[in-house]
Amino acid sequence: MGFSFSVAGLLFPYHLGVADYLKEKQLIVQGTPLSGSSGGALAAALIALSFSGLDFENVLDTTQTAYTELRNSGKSARGRLGRMLTKELEEILPLDAA
């Protein structure tokens, strides 16, 4: 059985939470086929990287902090989400994740 995550945008934190739950329940294990589109692909990649040492709790915490700051800014996410995501990914991904 595999899992695919849909286009996410602002639902990206939801996808991460679902992926974390599926991993916790051992429905996603190392080698489980994962795919997605847009933010869903990013969620699939991050959960897969968690089997190679990526600190997934840090990913969840970083995402929560970033989205809280985005929400509290009172401004639209339009045009800002990509920059925010790039900054956060550069901080949490290993250098050889490309």
C-alpha atoms as a PDB file:
ATOM      1  CA  MET A   1       0.000   0.000   0.000  1.00  0.00           C
ATOM      2  CA  GLY A   2       1.232   3.505  -0.783  1.00  0.00           C
ATOM      3  CA  PHE A   3       0.095   7.036  -0.030  1.00  0.00           C
ATOM      4  CA  SER A   4      -0.307  10.118  -2.189  1.00  0.00           C
ATOM      5  CA  PHE A   5      -0.714  13.622  -0.822  1.00  0.00           C
ATOM      6  CA  SER A   6      -2.728  16.177  -2.796  1.00  0.00           C
ATOM      7  CA  VAL A   7      -1.853  19.750  -3.709  1.00  0.00           C
ATOM      8  CA  ALA A   8      -1.539  21.429  -0.328  1.00  0.00           C
ATOM      9  CA  GLY A   9      -0.663  25.127  -0.203  1.00  0.00           C
ATOM     10  CA  LEU A  10      -1.929  26.211   3.187  1.00  0.00           C
ATOM     11  CA  LEU A  11      -2.907  22.586   3.952  1.00  0.00           C
ATOM     12  CA  PHE A  12       0.772  21.597   4.063  1.00  0.00           C
ATOM     13  CA  PRO A  13       0.803  21.412   7.906  1.00  0.00           C
ATOM     14  CA  TYR A  14      -2.249  19.133   7.736  1.00  0.00           C
ATOM     15  CA  HIS A  15      -0.429  16.785   5.354  1.00  0.00           C
ATOM     16  CA  LEU A  16       2.550  16.695   7.713  1.00  0.00           C
ATOM     17  CA  GLY A  17       0.295  15.839  10.641  1.00  0.00           C
ATOM     18  CA  VAL A  18      -1.440  13.060   8.717  1.00  0.00           C
ATOM     19  CA  ALA A  19       1.907  11.673   7.553  1.00  0.00           C
ATOM     20  CA  ASP A  20       3.241  11.765  11.108  1.00  0.00           C
ATOM     21  CA  TYR A  21       0.161   9.900  12.378  1.00  0.00           C
ATOM     22  CA  LEU A  22       0.436   7.270   9.628  1.00  0.00           C
ATOM     23  CA  LYS A  23       4.101   6.805  10.490  1.00  0.00           C
ATOM     24  CA  GLU A  24       3.294   6.544  14.203  1.00  0.00           C
ATOM     25  CA  LYS A  25       0.716   3.817  13.440  1.00  0.00           C
ATOM     26  CA  GLN A  26       3.300   2.083  11.218  1.00  0.00           C
ATOM     27  CA  LEU A  27       1.133   2.490   8.132  1.00  0.00           C
ATOM     28  CA  ILE A  28       4.047   4.388   6.619  1.00  0.00           C
ATOM     29  CA  VAL A  29       7.342   2.570   7.110  1.00  0.00           C
ATOM     30  CA  GLN A  30      10.669   2.795   5.334  1.00  0.00           C
ATOM     31  CA  GLY A  31      10.036   1.760   1.731  1.00  0.00           C
ATOM     32  CA  THR A  32       6.321   2.656   1.666  1.00  0.00           C
ATOM     33  CA  PRO A  33       5.561   4.218  -1.743  1.00  0.00           C
ATOM     34  CA  LEU A  34       4.893   7.938  -1.250  1.00  0.00           C
ATOM     35  CA  SER A  35       3.949  10.566  -3.798  1.00  0.00           C
ATOM     36  CA  GLY A  36       2.252  13.904  -4.027  1.00  0.00           C
ATOM     37  CA  SER A  37       1.815  17.094  -5.949  1.00  0.00           C
ATOM     38  CA  SER A  38       3.091  20.519  -4.923  1.00  0.00           C
ATOM     39  CA  GLY A  39       2.931  20.759  -1.117  1.00  0.00           C
ATOM     40  CA  GLY A  40       1.830  17.132  -1.030  1.00  0.00           C
ATOM     41  CA  ALA A  41       5.054  16.122  -2.779  1.00  0.00           C
ATOM     42  CA  LEU A  42       6.998  18.107  -0.222  1.00  0.00           C
ATOM     43  CA  ALA A  43       5.191  16.326   2.623  1.00  0.00           C
ATOM     44  CA  ALA A  44       5.939  12.951   0.994  1.00  0.00           C
ATOM     45  CA  ALA A  45       9.613  13.859   0.568  1.00  0.00           C
ATOM     46  CA  LEU A  46       9.975  15.049   4.163  1.00  0.00           C
ATOM     47  CA  ILE A  47       8.380  11.932   5.634  1.00  0.00           C
ATOM     48  CA  ALA A  48      10.638   9.784   3.435  1.00  0.00           C
ATOM     49  CA  LEU A  49      13.686  11.760   4.608  1.00  0.00           C
ATOM     50  CA  SER A  50      12.672  11.139   8.214  1.00  0.00           C
ATOM     51  CA  PHE A  51      13.708   7.503   7.696  1.00  0.00           C
ATOM     52  CA  SER A  52      17.194   8.761   6.771  1.00  0.00           C
ATOM     53  CA  GLY A  53      17.725  10.814   9.896  1.00  0.00           C
ATOM     54  CA  LEU A  54      15.769  14.022   9.254  1.00  0.00           C
ATOM     55  CA  ASP A  55      14.304  15.188  12.579  1.00  0.00           C
ATOM     56  CA  PHE A  56      10.595  15.122  11.711  1.00  0.00           C
ATOM     57  CA  GLU A  57       9.616  16.684  15.054  1.00  0.00           C
ATOM     58  CA  ASN A  58      11.781  19.665  14.071  1.00  0.00           C
ATOM     59  CA  VAL A  59       9.976  19.801  10.708  1.00  0.00           C
ATOM     60  CA  LEU A  60       6.609  19.882  12.512  1.00  0.00           C
ATOM     61  CA  ASP A  61       7.784  22.550  14.980  1.00  0.00           C
ATOM     62  CA  THR A  62       9.354  24.701  12.257  1.00  0.00           C
ATOM     63  CA  THR A  63       6.217  24.468  10.133  1.00  0.00           C
ATOM     64  CA  GLN A  64       3.973  25.431  13.042  1.00  0.00           C
ATOM     65  CA  THR A  65       6.150  28.431  13.883  1.00  0.00           C
ATOM     66  CA  ALA A  66       6.343  29.610  10.264  1.00  0.00           C
ATOM     67  CA  TYR A  67       2.599  29.296   9.643  1.00  0.00           C
ATOM     68  CA  THR A  68       1.789  31.008  12.951  1.00  0.00           C
ATOM     69  CA  GLU A  69       4.014  33.945  11.954  1.00  0.00           C
ATOM     70  CA  LEU A  70       2.351  34.035   8.541  1.00  0.00           C
ATOM     71  CA  ARG A  71      -1.130  34.056  10.092  1.00  0.00           C
ATOM     72  CA  ASN A  72      -0.244  36.645  12.741  1.00  0.00           C
ATOM     73  CA  SER A  73       1.224  39.029  10.175  1.00  0.00           C
ATOM     74  CA  GLY A  74      -2.296  39.919   9.071  1.00  0.00           C
ATOM     75  CA  LYS A  75      -1.181  39.806   5.442  1.00  0.00           C
ATOM     76  CA  SER A  76      -2.154  37.459   2.657  1.00  0.00           C
ATOM     77  CA  ALA A  77       0.008  34.378   2.105  1.00  0.00           C
ATOM     78  CA  ARG A  78      -0.083  35.109  -1.619  1.00  0.00           C
ATOM     79  CA  GLY A  79       3.435  35.645  -2.894  1.00  0.00           C
ATOM     80  CA  ARG A  80       4.951  35.021   0.546  1.00  0.00           C
ATOM     81  CA  LEU A  81       4.530  31.289   1.042  1.00  0.00           C
ATOM     82  CA  GLY A  82       7.256  30.292  -1.426  1.00  0.00           C
ATOM     83  CA  ARG A  83       9.888  32.549   0.136  1.00  0.00           C
ATOM     84  CA  MET A  84       8.974  31.416   3.627  1.00  0.00           C
ATOM     85  CA  LEU A  85       9.112  27.777   2.575  1.00  0.00           C
ATOM     86  CA  THR A  86      12.500  28.158   0.879  1.00  0.00           C
ATOM     87  CA  LYS A  87      13.965  29.777   4.001  1.00  0.00           C
ATOM     88  CA  GLU A  88      12.642  27.059   6.308  1.00  0.00           C
ATOM     89  CA  LEU A  89      13.697  24.191   4.026  1.00  0.00           C
ATOM     90  CA  GLU A  90      17.240  25.541   3.818  1.00  0.00           C
ATOM     91  CA  GLU A  91      17.374  25.390   7.612  1.00  0.00           C
ATOM     92  CA  ILE A  92      15.945  21.898   8.151  1.00  0.00           C
ATOM     93  CA  LEU A  93      17.110  19.864   5.156  1.00  0.00           C
ATOM     94  CA  PRO A  94      20.523  18.224   5.086  1.00  0.00           C
ATOM     95  CA  LEU A  95      22.926  19.664   2.505  1.00  0.00           C
ATOM     96  CA  ASP A  96      22.825  16.447   0.450  1.00  0.00           C
ATOM     97  CA  ALA A  97      19.004  16.349   0.214  1.00  0.00           C
ATOM     98  CA  ALA A  98      18.964  17.737  -3.330  1.00  0.00           C
END
